[in-house]
Amino acid sequence: MQSLEIKPYGLCDREGCINAFKTNVQKYFTLDEIKQFEEWLDYLRSASSDDHYYLVKDNGLIIGCGGFSYRKQTKETTMTWGLII
């Protein structure tokens, strides 16, 4: 039986999200964007981050991740790094 789980991103999910990202390189992302994604994941841990990032696990394996960012000053919401393997 498959077990899908949606949960907030945590530091322990970093490598799994990067691996999922890499499955999308060439088709949806460039090699240069891997470093940008890694730096952005590190930014998520900062106190200044207003971003909300989630991941989808299938039987413990990260199969997707994505989120949104809300900027109070401009009242804008944007999608952030959404992907599925």
N, C-alpha and C. Protein backbone atom coordinates (compact mmCIF):
# COMPACT_ATOMS: atom_id res chain seq x y z
N MET A 1 0.84 -1.18 0.00
CA MET A 1 0.00 0.00 0.00
C MET A 1 0.89 1.24 0.00
N GLN A 2 0.59 2.18 -0.88
CA GLN A 2 1.36 3.41 -0.93
C GLN A 2 0.93 4.35 0.18
N SER A 3 1.91 5.08 0.67
CA SER A 3 1.64 6.03 1.73
C SER A 3 2.22 7.39 1.36
N LEU A 4 1.38 8.32 0.91
CA LEU A 4 1.83 9.67 0.59
C LEU A 4 1.73 10.55 1.81
N GLU A 5 2.75 11.36 1.99
CA GLU A 5 2.79 12.27 3.14
C GLU A 5 3.22 13.65 2.64
N ILE A 6 2.51 14.68 3.05
CA ILE A 6 2.89 16.07 2.76
C ILE A 6 3.31 16.68 4.09
N LYS A 7 4.52 17.25 4.11
CA LYS A 7 5.01 17.82 5.37
C LYS A 7 5.85 19.05 5.10
N PRO A 8 6.00 19.91 6.09
CA PRO A 8 6.86 21.08 5.93
C PRO A 8 8.33 20.65 5.77
N TYR A 9 9.06 21.41 5.00
CA TYR A 9 10.48 21.16 4.79
C TYR A 9 11.24 21.31 6.10
N GLY A 10 12.17 20.42 6.33
CA GLY A 10 13.07 20.49 7.47
C GLY A 10 14.49 20.23 7.01
N LEU A 11 15.46 20.62 7.79
CA LEU A 11 16.87 20.48 7.42
C LEU A 11 17.21 19.04 7.03
N CYS A 12 16.60 18.07 7.67
CA CYS A 12 16.89 16.67 7.36
C CYS A 12 16.39 16.27 5.97
N ASP A 13 15.61 17.14 5.31
CA ASP A 13 15.07 16.86 3.98
C ASP A 13 15.91 17.46 2.86
N ARG A 14 16.97 18.18 3.23
CA ARG A 14 17.76 18.93 2.24
C ARG A 14 18.26 18.03 1.10
N GLU A 15 18.96 16.96 1.43
CA GLU A 15 19.56 16.10 0.40
C GLU A 15 18.49 15.45 -0.48
N GLY A 16 17.39 15.03 0.13
CA GLY A 16 16.31 14.42 -0.65
C GLY A 16 15.70 15.40 -1.64
N CYS A 17 15.55 16.66 -1.23
CA CYS A 17 15.02 17.69 -2.13
C CYS A 17 16.01 17.98 -3.26
N ILE A 18 17.29 18.01 -2.93
CA ILE A 18 18.31 18.25 -3.97
C ILE A 18 18.31 17.09 -4.96
N ASN A 19 18.22 15.87 -4.47
CA ASN A 19 18.16 14.72 -5.38
C ASN A 19 16.93 14.78 -6.29
N ALA A 20 15.78 15.16 -5.73
CA ALA A 20 14.58 15.31 -6.54
C ALA A 20 14.77 16.41 -7.58
N PHE A 21 15.40 17.50 -7.18
CA PHE A 21 15.67 18.61 -8.10
C PHE A 21 16.51 18.13 -9.27
N LYS A 22 17.55 17.36 -8.96
CA LYS A 22 18.47 16.89 -10.01
C LYS A 22 17.79 16.02 -11.04
N THR A 23 16.70 15.34 -10.68
CA THR A 23 15.98 14.53 -11.67
C THR A 23 15.28 15.41 -12.70
N ASN A 24 15.15 16.69 -12.41
CA ASN A 24 14.49 17.63 -13.32
C ASN A 24 15.47 18.48 -14.13
N VAL A 25 16.78 18.29 -13.89
CA VAL A 25 17.80 19.06 -14.62
C VAL A 25 17.80 18.61 -16.08
N GLN A 26 17.96 19.52 -16.95
CA GLN A 26 17.96 19.45 -18.40
C GLN A 26 16.56 19.58 -18.96
N LYS A 27 15.58 18.93 -18.35
CA LYS A 27 14.21 19.07 -18.87
C LYS A 27 13.55 20.35 -18.38
N TYR A 28 13.72 20.68 -17.08
CA TYR A 28 13.06 21.85 -16.51
C TYR A 28 14.02 22.86 -15.88
N PHE A 29 15.17 22.41 -15.43
CA PHE A 29 16.15 23.29 -14.78
C PHE A 29 17.52 23.11 -15.44
N THR A 30 18.38 24.10 -15.24
CA THR A 30 19.74 24.00 -15.76
C THR A 30 20.69 23.54 -14.66
N LEU A 31 21.88 23.12 -15.05
CA LEU A 31 22.89 22.72 -14.06
C LEU A 31 23.21 23.88 -13.12
N ASP A 32 23.23 25.11 -13.65
CA ASP A 32 23.53 26.28 -12.82
C ASP A 32 22.51 26.49 -11.72
N GLU A 33 21.30 26.04 -11.93
CA GLU A 33 20.24 26.26 -10.94
C GLU A 33 20.36 25.33 -9.73
N ILE A 34 21.15 24.27 -9.83
CA ILE A 34 21.32 23.38 -8.67
C ILE A 34 21.90 24.17 -7.51
N LYS A 35 22.94 24.94 -7.76
CA LYS A 35 23.56 25.74 -6.69
C LYS A 35 22.58 26.78 -6.15
N GLN A 36 21.81 27.41 -7.03
CA GLN A 36 20.81 28.39 -6.58
C GLN A 36 19.79 27.72 -5.66
N PHE A 37 19.35 26.53 -6.02
CA PHE A 37 18.38 25.80 -5.20
C PHE A 37 18.98 25.44 -3.85
N GLU A 38 20.23 24.96 -3.84
CA GLU A 38 20.89 24.62 -2.59
C GLU A 38 21.01 25.84 -1.68
N GLU A 39 21.40 26.97 -2.24
CA GLU A 39 21.52 28.20 -1.44
C GLU A 39 20.17 28.64 -0.93
N TRP A 40 19.13 28.49 -1.74
CA TRP A 40 17.79 28.88 -1.31
C TRP A 40 17.31 27.98 -0.17
N LEU A 41 17.59 26.67 -0.25
CA LEU A 41 17.22 25.78 0.86
C LEU A 41 17.91 26.21 2.14
N ASP A 42 19.17 26.64 2.05
CA ASP A 42 19.89 27.12 3.23
C ASP A 42 19.26 28.40 3.76
N TYR A 43 18.79 29.26 2.85
CA TYR A 43 18.13 30.51 3.25
C TYR A 43 16.85 30.22 4.05
N LEU A 44 16.17 29.15 3.73
CA LEU A 44 14.92 28.81 4.43
C LEU A 44 15.10 28.72 5.93
N ARG A 45 16.29 28.36 6.37
CA ARG A 45 16.54 28.21 7.82
C ARG A 45 16.71 29.56 8.51
N SER A 46 16.87 30.62 7.75
CA SER A 46 17.13 31.93 8.36
C SER A 46 15.85 32.51 8.95
N ALA A 47 16.04 33.34 9.95
CA ALA A 47 14.90 33.97 10.63
C ALA A 47 14.19 34.96 9.71
N SER A 48 14.87 35.44 8.68
CA SER A 48 14.26 36.45 7.80
C SER A 48 13.40 35.82 6.70
N SER A 49 13.36 34.52 6.63
CA SER A 49 12.60 33.85 5.57
C SER A 49 11.11 33.87 5.88
N ASP A 50 10.32 34.37 4.92
CA ASP A 50 8.86 34.30 5.00
C ASP A 50 8.33 33.24 4.05
N ASP A 51 9.19 32.34 3.64
CA ASP A 51 8.82 31.31 2.68
C ASP A 51 8.24 30.09 3.39
N HIS A 52 7.35 29.44 2.71
CA HIS A 52 6.73 28.21 3.21
C HIS A 52 7.01 27.14 2.18
N TYR A 53 7.71 26.10 2.58
CA TYR A 53 8.13 25.06 1.64
C TYR A 53 7.71 23.70 2.17
N TYR A 54 7.21 22.86 1.28
CA TYR A 54 6.67 21.56 1.66
C TYR A 54 7.23 20.49 0.74
N LEU A 55 7.13 19.26 1.19
CA LEU A 55 7.56 18.16 0.34
C LEU A 55 6.54 17.05 0.40
N VAL A 56 6.58 16.23 -0.63
CA VAL A 56 5.72 15.06 -0.72
C VAL A 56 6.61 13.84 -0.67
N LYS A 57 6.28 12.93 0.23
CA LYS A 57 7.01 11.68 0.35
C LYS A 57 6.10 10.52 -0.04
N ASP A 58 6.67 9.58 -0.76
CA ASP A 58 5.98 8.35 -1.10
C ASP A 58 6.76 7.21 -0.45
N ASN A 59 6.16 6.62 0.56
CA ASN A 59 6.84 5.56 1.33
C ASN A 59 8.22 6.00 1.79
N GLY A 60 8.33 7.24 2.27
CA GLY A 60 9.57 7.75 2.83
C GLY A 60 10.51 8.42 1.84
N LEU A 61 10.25 8.30 0.53
CA LEU A 61 11.11 8.89 -0.50
C LEU A 61 10.50 10.22 -0.95
N ILE A 62 11.32 11.27 -0.98
CA ILE A 62 10.83 12.57 -1.45
C ILE A 62 10.61 12.50 -2.96
N ILE A 63 9.36 12.71 -3.36
CA ILE A 63 9.02 12.67 -4.79
C ILE A 63 8.63 14.04 -5.34
N GLY A 64 8.55 15.03 -4.47
CA GLY A 64 8.22 16.37 -4.92
C GLY A 64 8.38 17.38 -3.81
N CYS A 65 8.52 18.63 -4.20
CA CYS A 65 8.60 19.70 -3.22
C CYS A 65 8.20 21.01 -3.90
N GLY A 66 7.78 21.96 -3.08
CA GLY A 66 7.37 23.25 -3.60
C GLY A 66 6.77 24.09 -2.49
N GLY A 67 6.61 25.35 -2.77
CA GLY A 67 6.07 26.21 -1.74
C GLY A 67 5.69 27.57 -2.26
N PHE A 68 5.58 28.50 -1.32
CA PHE A 68 5.22 29.86 -1.68
C PHE A 68 5.88 30.84 -0.73
N SER A 69 5.95 32.06 -1.18
CA SER A 69 6.54 33.14 -0.40
C SER A 69 5.57 34.30 -0.40
N TYR A 70 5.33 34.87 0.76
CA TYR A 70 4.46 36.04 0.87
C TYR A 70 5.28 37.22 1.38
N ARG A 71 5.26 38.31 0.63
CA ARG A 71 5.98 39.52 1.01
C ARG A 71 4.98 40.55 1.52
N LYS A 72 5.02 40.83 2.82
CA LYS A 72 4.07 41.74 3.44
C LYS A 72 4.16 43.15 2.86
N GLN A 73 5.38 43.59 2.58
CA GLN A 73 5.57 44.96 2.10
C GLN A 73 4.84 45.21 0.78
N THR A 74 4.89 44.23 -0.12
CA THR A 74 4.29 44.41 -1.45
C THR A 74 2.96 43.67 -1.59
N LYS A 75 2.62 42.88 -0.58
CA LYS A 75 1.41 42.05 -0.60
C LYS A 75 1.40 41.12 -1.82
N GLU A 76 2.56 40.57 -2.14
CA GLU A 76 2.69 39.66 -3.26
C GLU A 76 3.00 38.25 -2.76
N THR A 77 2.41 37.28 -3.43
CA THR A 77 2.69 35.89 -3.16
C THR A 77 3.27 35.27 -4.42
N THR A 78 4.35 34.52 -4.28
CA THR A 78 4.96 33.85 -5.43
C THR A 78 5.18 32.38 -5.11
N MET A 79 5.14 31.55 -6.14
CA MET A 79 5.45 30.15 -6.00
C MET A 79 6.96 29.98 -5.94
N THR A 80 7.44 28.97 -5.20
CA THR A 80 8.88 28.78 -5.07
C THR A 80 9.28 27.34 -5.36
N TRP A 81 10.18 27.18 -6.31
CA TRP A 81 10.85 25.93 -6.63
C TRP A 81 9.94 24.70 -6.55
N GLY A 82 8.91 24.67 -7.34
CA GLY A 82 8.02 23.51 -7.36
C GLY A 82 8.51 22.45 -8.34
N LEU A 83 8.48 21.19 -7.91
CA LEU A 83 8.93 20.11 -8.78
C LEU A 83 8.41 18.77 -8.31
N ILE A 84 8.33 17.85 -9.25
CA ILE A 84 7.95 16.45 -9.00
C ILE A 84 8.95 15.60 -9.77
N ILE A 85 9.35 14.47 -9.19
CA ILE A 85 10.29 13.61 -9.92
C ILE A 85 9.54 12.77 -10.93
